[in-house]
PDB file of N, CA and C in Angstrom:
ATOM      1  N   MET A   1      17.275 -16.721  -4.021  1.00  0.00           N
ATOM      2  CA  MET A   1      16.400 -16.167  -2.674  1.00  0.00           C
ATOM      3  C   MET A   1      15.044 -16.286  -2.800  1.00  0.00           C
ATOM      4  N   ASP A   2      14.151 -17.038  -2.324  1.00  0.00           N
ATOM      5  CA  ASP A   2      12.719 -16.948  -1.891  1.00  0.00           C
ATOM      6  C   ASP A   2      12.176 -15.485  -1.443  1.00  0.00           C
ATOM      7  N   LEU A   3      11.049 -15.026  -1.554  1.00  0.00           N
ATOM      8  CA  LEU A   3      10.408 -13.905  -0.882  1.00  0.00           C
ATOM      9  C   LEU A   3      10.355 -14.057   0.618  1.00  0.00           C
ATOM     10  N   ILE A   4      10.405 -15.448   1.203  1.00  0.00           N
ATOM     11  CA  ILE A   4      10.194 -16.119   2.455  1.00  0.00           C
ATOM     12  C   ILE A   4      11.309 -15.533   3.521  1.00  0.00           C
ATOM     13  N   THR A   5      12.947 -16.194   2.707  1.00  0.00           N
ATOM     14  CA  THR A   5      13.839 -16.419   3.298  1.00  0.00           C
ATOM     15  C   THR A   5      14.204 -14.685   3.305  1.00  0.00           C
ATOM     16  N   SER A   6      13.944 -13.996   2.219  1.00  0.00           N
ATOM     17  CA  SER A   6      14.631 -12.254   2.366  1.00  0.00           C
ATOM     18  C   SER A   6      13.854 -11.475   3.368  1.00  0.00           C
ATOM     19  N   GLU A   7      12.468 -12.069   3.808  1.00  0.00           N
ATOM     20  CA  GLU A   7      11.647 -11.756   4.839  1.00  0.00           C
ATOM     21  C   GLU A   7      12.089 -11.867   6.143  1.00  0.00           C
ATOM     22  N   LYS A   8      12.883 -13.203   6.337  1.00  0.00           N
ATOM     23  CA  LYS A   8      13.196 -13.678   7.575  1.00  0.00           C
ATOM     24  C   LYS A   8      15.194 -12.963   7.769  1.00  0.00           C
ATOM     25  N   LEU A   9      15.617 -12.542   6.563  1.00  0.00           N
ATOM     26  CA  LEU A   9      16.245 -11.487   6.570  1.00  0.00           C
ATOM     27  C   LEU A   9      16.569 -10.461   7.587  1.00  0.00           C
ATOM     28  N   LEU A  10      15.832 -10.093   6.516  1.00  0.00           N
ATOM     29  CA  LEU A  10      15.475  -8.283   7.150  1.00  0.00           C
ATOM     30  C   LEU A  10      14.150  -8.137   8.393  1.00  0.00           C
ATOM     31  N   GLU A  11      13.510  -9.229   8.697  1.00  0.00           N
ATOM     32  CA  GLU A  11      12.693  -8.783   9.678  1.00  0.00           C
ATOM     33  C   GLU A  11      13.135  -7.901  10.888  1.00  0.00           C
ATOM     34  N   ASN A  12      14.391  -7.868  11.761  1.00  0.00           N
ATOM     35  CA  ASN A  12      14.586  -7.159  12.557  1.00  0.00           C
ATOM     36  C   ASN A  12      16.071  -5.997  12.050  1.00  0.00           C
ATOM     37  N   GLU A  13      15.878  -5.772  10.728  1.00  0.00           N
ATOM     38  CA  GLU A  13      16.615  -4.443  10.285  1.00  0.00           C
ATOM     39  C   GLU A  13      15.657  -3.307  10.161  1.00  0.00           C
ATOM     40  N   SER A  14      16.631  -2.226  10.260  1.00  0.00           N
ATOM     41  CA  SER A  14      16.154  -0.622  10.062  1.00  0.00           C
ATOM     42  C   SER A  14      15.482  -0.540   8.908  1.00  0.00           C
ATOM     43  N   PRO A  15      14.587   0.825   8.715  1.00  0.00           N
ATOM     44  CA  PRO A  15      13.810   0.765   7.498  1.00  0.00           C
ATOM     45  C   PRO A  15      14.605   1.351   6.518  1.00  0.00           C
ATOM     46  N   TYR A  16      14.172   0.733   5.501  1.00  0.00           N
ATOM     47  CA  TYR A  16      14.761   1.039   4.226  1.00  0.00           C
ATOM     48  C   TYR A  16      16.433   0.179   3.344  1.00  0.00           C
ATOM     49  N   VAL A  17      16.196  -0.668   4.541  1.00  0.00           N
ATOM     50  CA  VAL A  17      17.664  -1.588   4.548  1.00  0.00           C
ATOM     51  C   VAL A  17      16.947  -2.465   3.361  1.00  0.00           C
ATOM     52  N   TYR A  18      17.992  -2.946   2.290  1.00  0.00           N
ATOM     53  CA  TYR A  18      17.560  -4.105   1.247  1.00  0.00           C
ATOM     54  C   TYR A  18      17.794  -4.757   0.889  1.00  0.00           C
ATOM     55  N   ILE A  19      17.362  -5.718  -0.265  1.00  0.00           N
ATOM     56  CA  ILE A  19      17.766  -6.964  -0.500  1.00  0.00           C
ATOM     57  C   ILE A  19      17.522  -6.924  -2.029  1.00  0.00           C
ATOM     58  N   LEU A  20      18.740  -6.898  -3.130  1.00  0.00           N
ATOM     59  CA  LEU A  20      18.286  -6.996  -4.761  1.00  0.00           C
ATOM     60  C   LEU A  20      18.365  -8.816  -4.751  1.00  0.00           C
ATOM     61  N   HIS A  21      17.299  -9.307  -4.989  1.00  0.00           N
ATOM     62  CA  HIS A  21      17.510 -11.346  -5.520  1.00  0.00           C
ATOM     63  C   HIS A  21      16.655 -11.242  -6.192  1.00  0.00           C
ATOM     64  N   GLN A  22      16.397 -12.807  -6.916  1.00  0.00           N
ATOM     65  CA  GLN A  22      15.659 -12.637  -8.239  1.00  0.00           C
ATOM     66  C   GLN A  22      15.222 -14.399  -7.611  1.00  0.00           C
ATOM     67  N   VAL A  23      13.975 -14.356  -7.794  1.00  0.00           N
ATOM     68  CA  VAL A  23      12.907 -15.762  -7.592  1.00  0.00           C
ATOM     69  C   VAL A  23      12.589 -15.876  -9.506  1.00  0.00           C
ATOM     70  N   ASP A  24      13.108 -17.724  -9.430  1.00  0.00           N
ATOM     71  CA  ASP A  24      12.290 -18.124 -10.589  1.00  0.00           C
ATOM     72  C   ASP A  24      13.521 -16.787 -11.912  1.00  0.00           C
ATOM     73  N   HIS A  25      12.238 -16.145 -13.177  1.00  0.00           N
ATOM     74  CA  HIS A  25      12.648 -15.139 -13.699  1.00  0.00           C
ATOM     75  C   HIS A  25      12.225 -13.574 -13.563  1.00  0.00           C
ATOM     76  N   GLN A  26      11.858 -13.833 -11.675  1.00  0.00           N
ATOM     77  CA  GLN A  26      11.173 -12.523 -11.344  1.00  0.00           C
ATOM     78  C   GLN A  26      12.430 -11.291 -10.930  1.00  0.00           C
ATOM     79  N   LEU A  27      12.921 -10.742 -10.955  1.00  0.00           N
ATOM     80  CA  LEU A  27      13.940  -9.446 -10.087  1.00  0.00           C
ATOM     81  C   LEU A  27      12.910  -9.039  -8.772  1.00  0.00           C
ATOM     82  N   TYR A  28      13.532  -8.764  -7.613  1.00  0.00           N
ATOM     83  CA  TYR A  28      12.667  -8.129  -6.748  1.00  0.00           C
ATOM     84  C   TYR A  28      13.921  -7.149  -6.021  1.00  0.00           C
ATOM     85  N   ILE A  29      13.398  -6.233  -5.324  1.00  0.00           N
ATOM     86  CA  ILE A  29      14.077  -5.342  -4.252  1.00  0.00           C
ATOM     87  C   ILE A  29      13.437  -5.656  -3.102  1.00  0.00           C
ATOM     88  N   SER A  30      13.617  -6.533  -2.154  1.00  0.00           N
ATOM     89  CA  SER A  30      12.965  -6.355  -0.488  1.00  0.00           C
ATOM     90  C   SER A  30      13.251  -5.766   0.000  1.00  0.00           C
ATOM     91  N   TYR A  31      12.468  -5.054   1.141  1.00  0.00           N
ATOM     92  CA  TYR A  31      13.238  -4.081   1.830  1.00  0.00           C
ATOM     93  C   TYR A  31      11.830  -3.897   2.968  1.00  0.00           C
ATOM     94  N   VAL A  32      12.563  -3.007   4.276  1.00  0.00           N
ATOM     95  CA  VAL A  32      11.683  -2.705   4.963  1.00  0.00           C
ATOM     96  C   VAL A  32      11.472  -1.094   4.970  1.00  0.00           C
ATOM     97  N   ASN A  33       9.857  -1.144   5.287  1.00  0.00           N
ATOM     98  CA  ASN A  33       9.682  -0.114   4.715  1.00  0.00           C
ATOM     99  C   ASN A  33       9.415   0.953   5.870  1.00  0.00           C
ATOM    100  N   LYS A  34       9.155   2.710   5.591  1.00  0.00           N
ATOM    101  CA  LYS A  34       8.996   3.040   7.229  1.00  0.00           C
ATOM    102  C   LYS A  34       7.761   2.722   8.544  1.00  0.00           C
ATOM    103  N   LYS A  35       6.636   1.325   7.981  1.00  0.00           N
ATOM    104  CA  LYS A  35       6.354   1.288   8.992  1.00  0.00           C
ATOM    105  C   LYS A  35       7.064  -0.563   9.638  1.00  0.00           C
ATOM    106  N   ASN A  36       8.411  -0.398   9.222  1.00  0.00           N
ATOM    107  CA  ASN A  36       9.058  -1.536   9.690  1.00  0.00           C
ATOM    108  C   ASN A  36       8.718  -2.615   9.420  1.00  0.00           C
ATOM    109  N   THR A  37       7.750  -2.948   7.950  1.00  0.00           N
ATOM    110  CA  THR A  37       7.317  -4.479   7.186  1.00  0.00           C
ATOM    111  C   THR A  37       7.978  -4.313   6.049  1.00  0.00           C
ATOM    112  N   VAL A  38       8.235  -5.897   5.925  1.00  0.00           N
ATOM    113  CA  VAL A  38       9.188  -6.117   4.659  1.00  0.00           C
ATOM    114  C   VAL A  38       8.095  -6.129   3.244  1.00  0.00           C
ATOM    115  N   TYR A  39       8.674  -5.301   2.392  1.00  0.00           N
ATOM    116  CA  TYR A  39       7.695  -5.095   1.019  1.00  0.00           C
ATOM    117  C   TYR A  39       8.623  -5.357   0.070  1.00  0.00           C
ATOM    118  N   HIS A  40       8.091  -6.241  -0.558  1.00  0.00           N
ATOM    119  CA  HIS A  40       8.747  -6.963  -2.033  1.00  0.00           C
ATOM    120  C   HIS A  40       7.983  -5.828  -3.549  1.00  0.00           C
ATOM    121  N   VAL A  41       9.045  -5.431  -4.023  1.00  0.00           N
ATOM    122  CA  VAL A  41       8.873  -4.522  -5.528  1.00  0.00           C
ATOM    123  C   VAL A  41       9.655  -5.767  -6.607  1.00  0.00           C
ATOM    124  N   ALA A  42       8.800  -6.031  -7.241  1.00  0.00           N
ATOM    125  CA  ALA A  42       9.178  -6.889  -8.834  1.00  0.00           C
ATOM    126  C   ALA A  42       9.323  -5.673  -9.822  1.00  0.00           C
ATOM    127  N   PHE A  43      10.348  -6.419 -10.376  1.00  0.00           N
ATOM    128  CA  PHE A  43      11.047  -4.954 -11.488  1.00  0.00           C
ATOM    129  C   PHE A  43      11.711  -6.189 -12.469  1.00  0.00           C
ATOM    130  N   ILE A  44      11.959  -5.419 -13.872  1.00  0.00           N
ATOM    131  CA  ILE A  44      11.943  -6.014 -15.101  1.00  0.00           C
ATOM    132  C   ILE A  44      13.254  -5.137 -15.318  1.00  0.00           C
ATOM    133  N   LEU A  45      14.055  -5.419 -15.923  1.00  0.00           N
ATOM    134  CA  LEU A  45      14.964  -4.788 -16.298  1.00  0.00           C
ATOM    135  C   LEU A  45      14.957  -4.721 -18.356  1.00  0.00           C
ATOM    136  N   GLY A  46      14.617  -3.138 -18.749  1.00  0.00           N
ATOM    137  CA  GLY A  46      13.719  -3.237 -19.732  1.00  0.00           C
ATOM    138  C   GLY A  46      15.005  -3.254 -20.752  1.00  0.00           C
ATOM    139  N   SER A  47      14.652  -2.757 -22.495  1.00  0.00           N
ATOM    140  CA  SER A  47      15.615  -2.720 -23.014  1.00  0.00           C
ATOM    141  C   SER A  47      16.537  -1.464 -22.987  1.00  0.00           C
ATOM    142  N   GLN A  48      17.571  -1.505 -23.504  1.00  0.00           N
ATOM    143  CA  GLN A  48      18.553  -0.594 -22.927  1.00  0.00           C
ATOM    144  C   GLN A  48      19.109  -0.392 -21.904  1.00  0.00           C
ATOM    145  N   GLY A  49      18.928  -1.307 -21.362  1.00  0.00           N
ATOM    146  CA  GLY A  49      19.289  -1.198 -19.713  1.00  0.00           C
ATOM    147  C   GLY A  49      18.261  -0.115 -18.899  1.00  0.00           C
ATOM    148  N   LYS A  50      17.333   0.269 -19.314  1.00  0.00           N
ATOM    149  CA  LYS A  50      16.348   1.009 -18.435  1.00  0.00           C
ATOM    150  C   LYS A  50      15.921   0.190 -17.799  1.00  0.00           C
ATOM    151  N   HIS A  51      15.484   0.180 -16.134  1.00  0.00           N
ATOM    152  CA  HIS A  51      14.917  -0.324 -14.836  1.00  0.00           C
ATOM    153  C   HIS A  51      13.716  -0.254 -14.951  1.00  0.00           C
ATOM    154  N   ILE A  52      12.401  -0.766 -15.395  1.00  0.00           N
ATOM    155  CA  ILE A  52      10.980  -0.526 -14.803  1.00  0.00           C
ATOM    156  C   ILE A  52      10.370  -1.209 -13.962  1.00  0.00           C
ATOM    157  N   TYR A  53       9.990  -0.699 -13.277  1.00  0.00           N
ATOM    158  CA  TYR A  53       8.961  -0.880 -12.405  1.00  0.00           C
ATOM    159  C   TYR A  53       7.233  -1.077 -12.405  1.00  0.00           C
ATOM    160  N   ARG A  54       6.655  -1.408 -12.832  1.00  0.00           N
ATOM    161  CA  ARG A  54       5.283  -1.533 -12.727  1.00  0.00           C
ATOM    162  C   ARG A  54       4.397  -1.833 -11.801  1.00  0.00           C
ATOM    163  N   ASN A  55       3.318  -1.368 -10.915  1.00  0.00           N
ATOM    164  CA  ASN A  55       2.487  -1.491 -10.053  1.00  0.00           C
ATOM    165  C   ASN A  55       1.663  -0.244  -9.720  1.00  0.00           C
ATOM    166  N   GLY A  56       0.799  -0.184 -11.198  1.00  0.00           N
ATOM    167  CA  GLY A  56      -0.103   0.709 -11.523  1.00  0.00           C
ATOM    168  C   GLY A  56       0.767   2.173 -12.044  1.00  0.00           C
ATOM    169  N   TRP A  57       2.096   2.093 -12.266  1.00  0.00           N
ATOM    170  CA  TRP A  57       2.529   3.098 -12.492  1.00  0.00           C
ATOM    171  C   TRP A  57       4.384   2.719 -13.025  1.00  0.00           C
ATOM    172  N   VAL A  58       5.170   3.331 -13.811  1.00  0.00           N
ATOM    173  CA  VAL A  58       6.318   2.934 -14.498  1.00  0.00           C
ATOM    174  C   VAL A  58       7.433   3.733 -13.815  1.00  0.00           C
ATOM    175  N   ILE A  59       8.452   3.207 -13.598  1.00  0.00           N
ATOM    176  CA  ILE A  59       9.373   3.854 -13.435  1.00  0.00           C
ATOM    177  C   ILE A  59      10.900   3.305 -14.318  1.00  0.00           C
ATOM    178  N   THR A  60      11.115   4.588 -14.714  1.00  0.00           N
ATOM    179  CA  THR A  60      12.750   4.543 -15.433  1.00  0.00           C
ATOM    180  C   THR A  60      13.595   5.247 -15.510  1.00  0.00           C
ATOM    181  N   SER A  61      14.964   4.609 -15.260  1.00  0.00           N
ATOM    182  CA  SER A  61      16.134   4.631 -14.871  1.00  0.00           C
ATOM    183  C   SER A  61      17.214   4.210 -15.191  1.00  0.00           C
ATOM    184  N   ASP A  62      18.254   5.102 -15.929  1.00  0.00           N
ATOM    185  CA  ASP A  62      19.041   4.631 -16.480  1.00  0.00           C
ATOM    186  C   ASP A  62      20.572   3.633 -15.681  1.00  0.00           C
ATOM    187  N   GLU A  63      20.046   3.608 -14.224  1.00  0.00           N
ATOM    188  CA  GLU A  63      21.329   3.865 -13.159  1.00  0.00           C
ATOM    189  C   GLU A  63      20.395   2.644 -11.857  1.00  0.00           C
ATOM    190  N   LEU A  64      20.752   1.544 -11.631  1.00  0.00           N
ATOM    191  CA  LEU A  64      19.927   0.914 -10.715  1.00  0.00           C
ATOM    192  C   LEU A  64      20.001   1.776  -9.365  1.00  0.00           C
ATOM    193  N   GLU A  65      21.310   1.967  -9.404  1.00  0.00           N
ATOM    194  CA  GLU A  65      21.471   3.288  -7.968  1.00  0.00           C
ATOM    195  C   GLU A  65      20.490   4.338  -7.955  1.00  0.00           C
ATOM    196  N   ASP A  66      20.054   4.629  -9.247  1.00  0.00           N
ATOM    197  CA  ASP A  66      19.029   5.955  -9.227  1.00  0.00           C
ATOM    198  C   ASP A  66      17.596   5.340  -8.864  1.00  0.00           C
ATOM    199  N   PHE A  67      17.204   3.985  -9.554  1.00  0.00           N
ATOM    200  CA  PHE A  67      15.906   3.317  -9.336  1.00  0.00           C
ATOM    201  C   PHE A  67      15.561   2.562  -8.001  1.00  0.00           C
ATOM    202  N   ILE A  68      16.854   2.128  -7.331  1.00  0.00           N
ATOM    203  CA  ILE A  68      16.368   1.555  -5.948  1.00  0.00           C
ATOM    204  C   ILE A  68      15.396   2.740  -4.595  1.00  0.00           C
ATOM    205  N   PRO A  69      15.854   3.886  -4.810  1.00  0.00           N
ATOM    206  CA  PRO A  69      15.015   4.919  -4.230  1.00  0.00           C
ATOM    207  C   PRO A  69      14.056   5.327  -4.455  1.00  0.00           C
ATOM    208  N   LEU A  70      13.711   5.218  -5.901  1.00  0.00           N
ATOM    209  CA  LEU A  70      12.223   5.642  -6.201  1.00  0.00           C
ATOM    210  C   LEU A  70      11.221   4.033  -6.076  1.00  0.00           C
ATOM    211  N   ALA A  71      11.846   3.355  -6.508  1.00  0.00           N
ATOM    212  CA  ALA A  71      10.957   2.030  -6.070  1.00  0.00           C
ATOM    213  C   ALA A  71      10.619   1.434  -4.297  1.00  0.00           C
ATOM    214  N   MET A  72      11.714   1.906  -3.771  1.00  0.00           N
ATOM    215  CA  MET A  72      11.291   1.878  -2.437  1.00  0.00           C
ATOM    216  C   MET A  72      10.587   3.836  -2.043  1.00  0.00           C
ATOM    217  N   HIS A  73      10.084   4.409  -2.799  1.00  0.00           N
ATOM    218  CA  HIS A  73       9.627   5.733  -2.139  1.00  0.00           C
ATOM    219  C   HIS A  73      10.522   6.542  -1.301  1.00  0.00           C
ATOM    220  N   THR A  74      11.756   6.328  -1.601  1.00  0.00           N
ATOM    221  CA  THR A  74      12.538   7.231  -0.234  1.00  0.00           C
ATOM    222  C   THR A  74      13.566   7.821  -0.875  1.00  0.00           C
ATOM    223  N   THR A  75      14.485   8.480  -0.402  1.00  0.00           N
ATOM    224  CA  THR A  75      15.804   8.748  -0.715  1.00  0.00           C
ATOM    225  C   THR A  75      17.196   8.064  -1.157  1.00  0.00           C
ATOM    226  N   LYS A  76      17.896   8.484  -1.562  1.00  0.00           N
ATOM    227  CA  LYS A  76      18.514   7.811  -1.906  1.00  0.00           C
ATOM    228  C   LYS A  76      19.449   7.503  -0.948  1.00  0.00           C
ATOM    229  N   ASP A  77      20.360   8.548  -0.242  1.00  0.00           N
ATOM    230  CA  ASP A  77      20.668   8.556   1.157  1.00  0.00           C
ATOM    231  C   ASP A  77      20.361   7.719   2.093  1.00  0.00           C
ATOM    232  N   SER A  78      18.661   7.403   2.085  1.00  0.00           N
ATOM    233  CA  SER A  78      17.558   6.347   3.257  1.00  0.00           C
ATOM    234  C   SER A  78      18.295   4.836   3.372  1.00  0.00           C
ATOM    235  N   CYS A  79      18.448   4.560   1.576  1.00  0.00           N
ATOM    236  CA  CYS A  79      19.088   3.076   1.400  1.00  0.00           C
ATOM    237  C   CYS A  79      19.952   2.648   1.476  1.00  0.00           C
ATOM    238  N   GLN A  80      19.725   1.237   1.961  1.00  0.00           N
ATOM    239  CA  GLN A  80      21.227   0.764   3.162  1.00  0.00           C
ATOM    240  C   GLN A  80      20.858  -0.380   2.284  1.00  0.00           C
ATOM    241  N   PRO A  81      21.868  -1.001   1.842  1.00  0.00           N
ATOM    242  CA  PRO A  81      22.323  -2.444   0.942  1.00  0.00           C
ATOM    243  C   PRO A  81      22.245  -3.627   2.442  1.00  0.00           C
ATOM    244  N   PHE A  82      21.739  -4.548   2.366  1.00  0.00           N
ATOM    245  CA  PHE A  82      21.809  -5.480   3.688  1.00  0.00           C
ATOM    246  C   PHE A  82      23.253  -6.220   3.801  1.00  0.00           C
ATOM    247  N   HIS A  83      23.228  -6.396   5.118  1.00  0.00           N
ATOM    248  CA  HIS A  83      25.143  -6.740   4.887  1.00  0.00           C
ATOM    249  C   HIS A  83      24.697  -8.238   6.083  1.00  0.00           C
ATOM    250  N   HIS A  84      25.309  -8.946   6.076  1.00  0.00           N
ATOM    251  CA  HIS A  84      25.033 -10.263   7.240  1.00  0.00           C
ATOM    252  C   HIS A  84      26.007  -9.899   8.181  1.00  0.00           C
TER     253      HIS A  84
END
């Protein structure tokens, strides 16, 4: 799924609804931020199953479910996967 498609799917969703997807060889978390703007976080799956996000800083997590809220700058309870 490309970034434009993910934005269209998320445009009327509540804050912290997210989609995990891949564009070419890049993984993304696309989500609605607290200002109701769709934001895209590129990340890589590092060695030994670590998830690493680079945007001036690095987050390392053993579990994707723990990484998602850190990358979205929110709590785990507020993150909601997108459902059609």
